[in-house]
Amino acid sequence: MQSIWSAKIFGDREDPRARLHALFGGAKPAAGQPPEAALMWAREVLAEMDAAAAADSVAVTRRLRAAEPRLTLRAATFLAAHVR
């Protein structure tokens, strides 16, 4: 897995599902979905957001990264797209 430092400097080149699986565990999905454990965590984090902010993908990504700083931008964006 690419380090967070390397991803910030050189760009994130890894599969976001691999980063989410490493952070949250759970079964690794075969399809292009994030792990179920990551989706459950994201739903809990976003449950407090109002409807207008939850419709904005940038606000959702920002909230996810604030809650878990180890998320790279690519992994957070991928998770935000699937949780909305």
N, C-alpha and C. Protein backbone atom coordinates (compact mmCIF):
# COMPACT_ATOMS: atom_id res chain seq x y z
N MET A 1 0.84 -1.16 0.00
CA MET A 1 0.00 0.00 0.00
C MET A 1 0.90 1.24 0.00
N GLN A 2 0.54 2.20 -0.78
CA GLN A 2 1.27 3.46 -0.88
C GLN A 2 1.12 4.24 0.42
N SER A 3 2.21 4.84 0.89
CA SER A 3 2.12 5.60 2.13
C SER A 3 1.33 6.88 1.90
N ILE A 4 0.78 7.42 2.97
CA ILE A 4 0.00 8.66 2.88
C ILE A 4 0.89 9.80 2.42
N TRP A 5 2.11 9.85 2.94
CA TRP A 5 3.06 10.88 2.54
C TRP A 5 3.33 10.82 1.05
N SER A 6 3.59 9.63 0.55
CA SER A 6 3.86 9.45 -0.88
C SER A 6 2.64 9.82 -1.72
N ALA A 7 1.46 9.49 -1.25
CA ALA A 7 0.23 9.83 -1.98
C ALA A 7 0.04 11.33 -2.05
N LYS A 8 0.39 12.04 -0.97
CA LYS A 8 0.24 13.49 -0.98
C LYS A 8 1.25 14.17 -1.89
N ILE A 9 2.45 13.66 -1.96
CA ILE A 9 3.51 14.28 -2.76
C ILE A 9 3.41 13.89 -4.23
N PHE A 10 3.27 12.61 -4.51
CA PHE A 10 3.36 12.11 -5.88
C PHE A 10 2.01 11.76 -6.51
N GLY A 11 0.95 11.89 -5.75
CA GLY A 11 -0.37 11.53 -6.25
C GLY A 11 -0.75 10.13 -5.82
N ASP A 12 -2.01 9.95 -5.54
CA ASP A 12 -2.52 8.68 -5.05
C ASP A 12 -2.76 7.75 -6.22
N ARG A 13 -1.99 6.66 -6.28
CA ARG A 13 -2.08 5.75 -7.42
C ARG A 13 -2.65 4.38 -7.05
N GLU A 14 -3.07 4.21 -5.82
CA GLU A 14 -3.56 2.90 -5.42
C GLU A 14 -5.09 2.83 -5.53
N ASP A 15 -5.57 1.63 -5.53
CA ASP A 15 -7.01 1.38 -5.56
C ASP A 15 -7.61 1.88 -4.25
N PRO A 16 -8.60 2.78 -4.29
CA PRO A 16 -9.16 3.29 -3.04
C PRO A 16 -9.80 2.21 -2.19
N ARG A 17 -10.25 1.12 -2.81
CA ARG A 17 -10.83 0.03 -2.02
C ARG A 17 -9.78 -0.61 -1.13
N ALA A 18 -8.52 -0.66 -1.59
CA ALA A 18 -7.44 -1.23 -0.78
C ALA A 18 -7.17 -0.37 0.46
N ARG A 19 -7.16 0.95 0.29
CA ARG A 19 -6.94 1.85 1.44
C ARG A 19 -8.09 1.73 2.43
N LEU A 20 -9.33 1.70 1.93
CA LEU A 20 -10.49 1.59 2.81
C LEU A 20 -10.49 0.25 3.54
N HIS A 21 -10.10 -0.81 2.85
CA HIS A 21 -10.03 -2.13 3.48
C HIS A 21 -8.97 -2.13 4.58
N ALA A 22 -7.84 -1.48 4.32
CA ALA A 22 -6.76 -1.43 5.32
C ALA A 22 -7.18 -0.61 6.55
N LEU A 23 -7.94 0.44 6.35
CA LEU A 23 -8.35 1.31 7.46
C LEU A 23 -9.52 0.74 8.26
N PHE A 24 -10.50 0.17 7.57
CA PHE A 24 -11.74 -0.22 8.24
C PHE A 24 -11.95 -1.72 8.33
N GLY A 25 -11.16 -2.49 7.62
CA GLY A 25 -11.30 -3.94 7.67
C GLY A 25 -12.56 -4.41 6.96
N GLY A 26 -13.06 -5.53 7.38
CA GLY A 26 -14.25 -6.09 6.74
C GLY A 26 -13.88 -6.89 5.51
N ALA A 27 -14.87 -7.45 4.89
CA ALA A 27 -14.66 -8.25 3.68
C ALA A 27 -14.34 -7.34 2.51
N LYS A 28 -13.40 -7.77 1.69
CA LYS A 28 -13.02 -7.00 0.50
C LYS A 28 -14.02 -7.34 -0.61
N PRO A 29 -14.79 -6.35 -1.08
CA PRO A 29 -15.79 -6.64 -2.10
C PRO A 29 -15.15 -6.95 -3.44
N ALA A 30 -15.79 -7.84 -4.19
CA ALA A 30 -15.25 -8.23 -5.49
C ALA A 30 -15.54 -7.17 -6.54
N ALA A 31 -16.66 -6.49 -6.42
CA ALA A 31 -17.04 -5.48 -7.41
C ALA A 31 -16.40 -4.14 -7.06
N GLY A 32 -16.81 -3.09 -7.71
CA GLY A 32 -16.24 -1.77 -7.51
C GLY A 32 -16.85 -1.01 -6.36
N GLN A 33 -17.25 -1.69 -5.31
CA GLN A 33 -17.87 -1.06 -4.14
C GLN A 33 -16.84 -0.95 -3.01
N PRO A 34 -17.01 0.03 -2.12
CA PRO A 34 -16.16 0.09 -0.93
C PRO A 34 -16.55 -1.03 0.04
N PRO A 35 -15.66 -1.38 0.97
CA PRO A 35 -16.01 -2.38 1.97
C PRO A 35 -17.21 -1.92 2.80
N GLU A 36 -18.02 -2.87 3.21
CA GLU A 36 -19.24 -2.56 3.96
C GLU A 36 -18.91 -1.85 5.28
N ALA A 37 -17.80 -2.23 5.91
CA ALA A 37 -17.42 -1.57 7.17
C ALA A 37 -17.15 -0.08 6.95
N ALA A 38 -16.54 0.27 5.84
CA ALA A 38 -16.26 1.67 5.53
C ALA A 38 -17.56 2.42 5.24
N LEU A 39 -18.48 1.78 4.55
CA LEU A 39 -19.78 2.42 4.26
C LEU A 39 -20.56 2.67 5.54
N MET A 40 -20.55 1.71 6.46
CA MET A 40 -21.27 1.89 7.73
C MET A 40 -20.65 3.03 8.53
N TRP A 41 -19.32 3.11 8.56
CA TRP A 41 -18.65 4.18 9.28
C TRP A 41 -19.00 5.54 8.66
N ALA A 42 -18.98 5.62 7.34
CA ALA A 42 -19.28 6.88 6.65
C ALA A 42 -20.72 7.31 6.90
N ARG A 43 -21.65 6.37 6.91
CA ARG A 43 -23.05 6.71 7.19
C ARG A 43 -23.21 7.27 8.60
N GLU A 44 -22.48 6.71 9.56
CA GLU A 44 -22.53 7.21 10.93
C GLU A 44 -21.97 8.63 11.02
N VAL A 45 -20.86 8.87 10.33
CA VAL A 45 -20.24 10.19 10.34
C VAL A 45 -21.15 11.22 9.69
N LEU A 46 -21.80 10.83 8.61
CA LEU A 46 -22.62 11.77 7.84
C LEU A 46 -24.05 11.89 8.35
N ALA A 47 -24.42 11.11 9.33
CA ALA A 47 -25.79 11.15 9.85
C ALA A 47 -26.13 12.51 10.46
N GLU A 48 -25.13 13.22 10.95
CA GLU A 48 -25.35 14.51 11.59
C GLU A 48 -25.44 15.67 10.61
N MET A 49 -25.09 15.44 9.35
CA MET A 49 -25.10 16.52 8.35
C MET A 49 -26.52 16.86 7.93
N ASP A 50 -26.76 18.12 7.64
CA ASP A 50 -28.07 18.50 7.12
C ASP A 50 -28.19 18.07 5.66
N ALA A 51 -29.37 18.06 5.13
CA ALA A 51 -29.64 17.54 3.78
C ALA A 51 -28.92 18.33 2.70
N ALA A 52 -28.83 19.64 2.85
CA ALA A 52 -28.17 20.46 1.84
C ALA A 52 -26.67 20.16 1.77
N ALA A 53 -26.04 20.01 2.92
CA ALA A 53 -24.61 19.70 2.94
C ALA A 53 -24.35 18.27 2.48
N ALA A 54 -25.25 17.36 2.80
CA ALA A 54 -25.07 15.96 2.39
C ALA A 54 -25.20 15.78 0.89
N ALA A 55 -25.84 16.72 0.20
CA ALA A 55 -25.97 16.64 -1.25
C ALA A 55 -24.72 17.14 -1.96
N ASP A 56 -23.85 17.85 -1.26
CA ASP A 56 -22.63 18.39 -1.84
C ASP A 56 -21.48 17.41 -1.64
N SER A 57 -20.94 16.89 -2.74
CA SER A 57 -19.89 15.87 -2.64
C SER A 57 -18.62 16.42 -2.00
N VAL A 58 -18.32 17.70 -2.21
CA VAL A 58 -17.12 18.29 -1.60
C VAL A 58 -17.29 18.37 -0.09
N ALA A 59 -18.46 18.75 0.39
CA ALA A 59 -18.72 18.83 1.83
C ALA A 59 -18.66 17.44 2.47
N VAL A 60 -19.19 16.45 1.77
CA VAL A 60 -19.16 15.08 2.29
C VAL A 60 -17.72 14.59 2.37
N THR A 61 -16.94 14.82 1.32
CA THR A 61 -15.54 14.41 1.32
C THR A 61 -14.77 15.11 2.43
N ARG A 62 -15.00 16.39 2.61
CA ARG A 62 -14.33 17.15 3.66
C ARG A 62 -14.67 16.59 5.04
N ARG A 63 -15.93 16.27 5.26
CA ARG A 63 -16.36 15.72 6.56
C ARG A 63 -15.71 14.36 6.82
N LEU A 64 -15.65 13.52 5.80
CA LEU A 64 -15.03 12.20 5.97
C LEU A 64 -13.55 12.31 6.30
N ARG A 65 -12.85 13.21 5.61
CA ARG A 65 -11.42 13.38 5.86
C ARG A 65 -11.16 14.02 7.21
N ALA A 66 -12.06 14.86 7.66
CA ALA A 66 -11.91 15.46 9.00
C ALA A 66 -12.09 14.40 10.08
N ALA A 67 -13.00 13.46 9.84
CA ALA A 67 -13.27 12.40 10.82
C ALA A 67 -12.16 11.35 10.83
N GLU A 68 -11.54 11.12 9.69
CA GLU A 68 -10.46 10.12 9.59
C GLU A 68 -9.32 10.70 8.76
N PRO A 69 -8.31 11.29 9.40
CA PRO A 69 -7.23 11.95 8.67
C PRO A 69 -6.37 11.02 7.81
N ARG A 70 -6.41 9.72 8.07
CA ARG A 70 -5.62 8.79 7.27
C ARG A 70 -6.22 8.53 5.89
N LEU A 71 -7.44 9.01 5.65
CA LEU A 71 -8.06 8.85 4.34
C LEU A 71 -7.36 9.76 3.33
N THR A 72 -6.98 9.21 2.21
CA THR A 72 -6.45 10.05 1.15
C THR A 72 -7.62 10.69 0.41
N LEU A 73 -7.34 11.68 -0.39
CA LEU A 73 -8.40 12.36 -1.12
C LEU A 73 -9.13 11.40 -2.05
N ARG A 74 -8.39 10.55 -2.71
CA ARG A 74 -9.00 9.59 -3.64
C ARG A 74 -9.92 8.62 -2.91
N ALA A 75 -9.48 8.09 -1.79
CA ALA A 75 -10.30 7.14 -1.04
C ALA A 75 -11.54 7.83 -0.46
N ALA A 76 -11.38 9.05 0.03
CA ALA A 76 -12.51 9.78 0.59
C ALA A 76 -13.53 10.14 -0.49
N THR A 77 -13.05 10.54 -1.66
CA THR A 77 -13.94 10.86 -2.77
C THR A 77 -14.70 9.63 -3.24
N PHE A 78 -13.99 8.51 -3.32
CA PHE A 78 -14.62 7.23 -3.72
C PHE A 78 -15.70 6.84 -2.73
N LEU A 79 -15.39 6.96 -1.44
CA LEU A 79 -16.36 6.60 -0.40
C LEU A 79 -17.55 7.56 -0.42
N ALA A 80 -17.28 8.85 -0.60
CA ALA A 80 -18.36 9.83 -0.64
C ALA A 80 -19.31 9.58 -1.80
N ALA A 81 -18.78 9.17 -2.93
CA ALA A 81 -19.63 8.90 -4.09
C ALA A 81 -20.55 7.71 -3.86
N HIS A 82 -20.10 6.75 -3.08
CA HIS A 82 -20.91 5.55 -2.84
C HIS A 82 -21.85 5.69 -1.66
N VAL A 83 -21.57 6.60 -0.76
CA VAL A 83 -22.40 6.75 0.41
C VAL A 83 -23.58 7.69 0.16
N ARG A 84 -23.46 8.57 -0.81
CA ARG A 84 -24.52 9.54 -1.10
C ARG A 84 -25.65 8.91 -1.83
